């Protein structure tokens, strides 16, 4: 079982890279490109990167400040930060068709929380299961 890192230094290079590529890409797409199909897809990709890089220190701080019974590993922190990026980009995509309402916002957030909850339950169950050797020599 991998324990939570003691400092944020492990996440610092990826955070800086995600922030630079994400927000820099969003700025260049918004101010320097024409509204074509590839620019729209680039907007969503850069939006995911930007929101993930922004959420990464916040998610790390929340897990550091409010630790659970079992500490979360670094994959879980990155995954939870990625959920924020996916959430924001999905809402931006839905806004193109004017489909975003309070019910869509809450429903999408609830679905992502449920997905993360079930992933954490699966990880917790995998840690508790004993490893049984497969003996085919009988």
Protein backbone atom coordinates (compact mmCIF):
# COMPACT_ATOMS: atom_id res chain seq x y z
CA UNK A 1 0.00 0.00 0.00
CA UNK A 2 1.44 3.30 -1.07
CA UNK A 3 1.13 6.03 1.53
CA UNK A 4 0.39 9.65 0.77
CA UNK A 5 3.50 11.70 -0.05
CA UNK A 6 4.68 14.02 2.69
CA UNK A 7 5.17 17.08 0.51
CA UNK A 8 3.68 18.61 -2.59
CA UNK A 9 7.01 18.36 -4.44
CA UNK A 10 5.92 15.15 -6.14
CA UNK A 11 3.03 16.99 -7.81
CA UNK A 12 4.79 20.28 -8.53
CA UNK A 13 6.20 19.45 -12.01
CA UNK A 14 2.93 18.03 -13.26
CA UNK A 15 0.97 20.93 -11.77
CA UNK A 16 3.17 23.55 -13.44
CA UNK A 17 3.11 21.68 -16.76
CA UNK A 18 -0.68 21.28 -16.69
CA UNK A 19 -1.19 24.93 -15.76
CA UNK A 20 1.15 26.25 -18.47
CA UNK A 21 -0.16 24.04 -21.26
CA UNK A 22 -3.80 24.32 -20.19
CA UNK A 23 -4.17 28.03 -19.51
CA UNK A 24 -1.66 29.01 -22.20
CA UNK A 25 -3.47 26.86 -24.73
CA UNK A 26 -6.84 28.27 -23.71
CA UNK A 27 -5.54 31.82 -24.04
CA UNK A 28 -4.04 31.18 -27.45
CA UNK A 29 -7.17 29.42 -28.70
CA UNK A 30 -9.48 32.18 -27.46
CA UNK A 31 -7.42 35.12 -28.69
CA UNK A 32 -5.50 33.79 -31.70
CA UNK A 33 -7.66 31.23 -33.51
CA UNK A 34 -10.77 31.15 -35.62
CA UNK A 35 -13.85 29.30 -34.34
CA UNK A 36 -13.33 26.10 -36.31
CA UNK A 37 -13.86 22.49 -35.31
CA UNK A 38 -10.25 21.76 -34.31
CA UNK A 39 -10.06 24.93 -32.24
CA UNK A 40 -13.19 23.84 -30.40
CA UNK A 41 -11.74 20.43 -29.59
CA UNK A 42 -8.48 22.10 -28.57
CA UNK A 43 -10.50 24.34 -26.27
CA UNK A 44 -11.97 21.31 -24.50
CA UNK A 45 -8.62 19.53 -24.21
CA UNK A 46 -6.88 22.64 -22.89
CA UNK A 47 -9.81 23.22 -20.54
CA UNK A 48 -9.38 19.76 -19.05
CA UNK A 49 -5.65 20.35 -18.62
CA UNK A 50 -6.13 23.81 -17.11
CA UNK A 51 -8.82 22.77 -14.63
CA UNK A 52 -6.91 19.64 -13.65
CA UNK A 53 -3.75 21.64 -13.00
CA UNK A 54 -5.73 24.17 -10.98
CA UNK A 55 -7.52 21.52 -8.92
CA UNK A 56 -4.42 19.41 -8.19
CA UNK A 57 -3.03 21.56 -5.34
CA UNK A 58 -6.52 22.02 -3.90
CA UNK A 59 -7.25 18.27 -3.88
CA UNK A 60 -3.84 17.57 -2.35
CA UNK A 61 -4.42 20.18 0.36
CA UNK A 62 -7.88 18.82 1.19
CA UNK A 63 -6.53 15.28 1.55
CA UNK A 64 -3.66 16.55 3.65
CA UNK A 65 -5.95 18.64 5.86
CA UNK A 66 -8.76 16.08 6.22
CA UNK A 67 -7.17 12.61 6.04
CA UNK A 68 -9.49 9.64 5.93
CA UNK A 69 -9.21 6.29 7.66
CA UNK A 70 -6.98 5.04 4.88
CA UNK A 71 -4.73 7.59 3.18
CA UNK A 72 -5.24 8.04 -0.52
CA UNK A 73 -2.35 7.30 -2.85
CA UNK A 74 -0.98 9.63 -5.52
CA UNK A 75 -3.04 7.99 -8.28
CA UNK A 76 -6.20 8.82 -6.38
CA UNK A 77 -5.23 12.47 -5.94
CA UNK A 78 -4.48 12.81 -9.65
CA UNK A 79 -7.71 11.04 -10.56
CA UNK A 80 -9.80 13.31 -8.36
CA UNK A 81 -8.16 16.40 -9.84
CA UNK A 82 -8.89 15.02 -13.30
CA UNK A 83 -12.58 14.68 -12.40
CA UNK A 84 -12.69 18.47 -11.94
CA UNK A 85 -11.23 18.99 -15.40
CA UNK A 86 -13.66 16.56 -16.98
CA UNK A 87 -16.55 18.18 -15.11
CA UNK A 88 -15.70 21.68 -16.31
CA UNK A 89 -15.08 20.64 -19.92
CA UNK A 90 -18.33 18.65 -20.00
CA UNK A 91 -20.29 21.63 -18.72
CA UNK A 92 -18.63 23.85 -21.34
CA UNK A 93 -19.54 21.35 -24.06
CA UNK A 94 -23.14 21.13 -22.86
CA UNK A 95 -23.36 24.92 -22.81
CA UNK A 96 -22.84 24.98 -26.59
CA UNK A 97 -26.31 23.50 -26.98
CA UNK A 98 -27.72 25.59 -24.13
CA UNK A 99 -28.36 22.40 -22.14
CA UNK A 100 -26.86 23.44 -18.81
CA UNK A 101 -29.42 23.81 -16.04
CA UNK A 102 -29.08 23.48 -12.30
CA UNK A 103 -30.32 19.90 -12.57
CA UNK A 104 -27.69 19.02 -15.16
CA UNK A 105 -24.98 20.64 -13.02
CA UNK A 106 -26.05 18.73 -9.90
CA UNK A 107 -26.72 15.48 -11.76
CA UNK A 108 -23.33 15.47 -13.45
CA UNK A 109 -21.59 16.30 -10.16
CA UNK A 110 -23.53 13.53 -8.42
CA UNK A 111 -22.59 11.04 -11.12
CA UNK A 112 -18.92 11.91 -10.86
CA UNK A 113 -19.03 11.68 -7.06
CA UNK A 114 -20.70 8.27 -7.36
CA UNK A 115 -18.07 7.07 -9.85
CA UNK A 116 -15.25 8.18 -7.52
CA UNK A 117 -16.99 6.59 -4.54
CA UNK A 118 -17.28 3.22 -6.30
CA UNK A 119 -13.66 3.39 -7.47
CA UNK A 120 -12.56 4.03 -3.87
CA UNK A 121 -14.73 1.12 -2.62
CA UNK A 122 -13.12 -1.17 -5.20
CA UNK A 123 -9.62 -0.03 -4.17
CA UNK A 124 -10.44 -0.56 -0.49
CA UNK A 125 -11.78 -4.05 -1.20
CA UNK A 126 -8.72 -4.95 -3.26
CA UNK A 127 -6.45 -4.01 -0.34
CA UNK A 128 -8.35 -6.23 2.10
CA UNK A 129 -8.55 -9.37 -0.06
CA UNK A 130 -5.87 -11.97 0.68
CA UNK A 131 -3.82 -13.16 -2.25
CA UNK A 132 -4.56 -16.83 -2.89
CA UNK A 133 -2.02 -18.87 -4.79
CA UNK A 134 -3.36 -20.92 -7.65
CA UNK A 135 -2.13 -24.48 -7.03
CA UNK A 136 -2.55 -26.61 -10.15
CA UNK A 137 -0.07 -29.26 -9.01
CA UNK A 138 -2.70 -31.53 -7.40
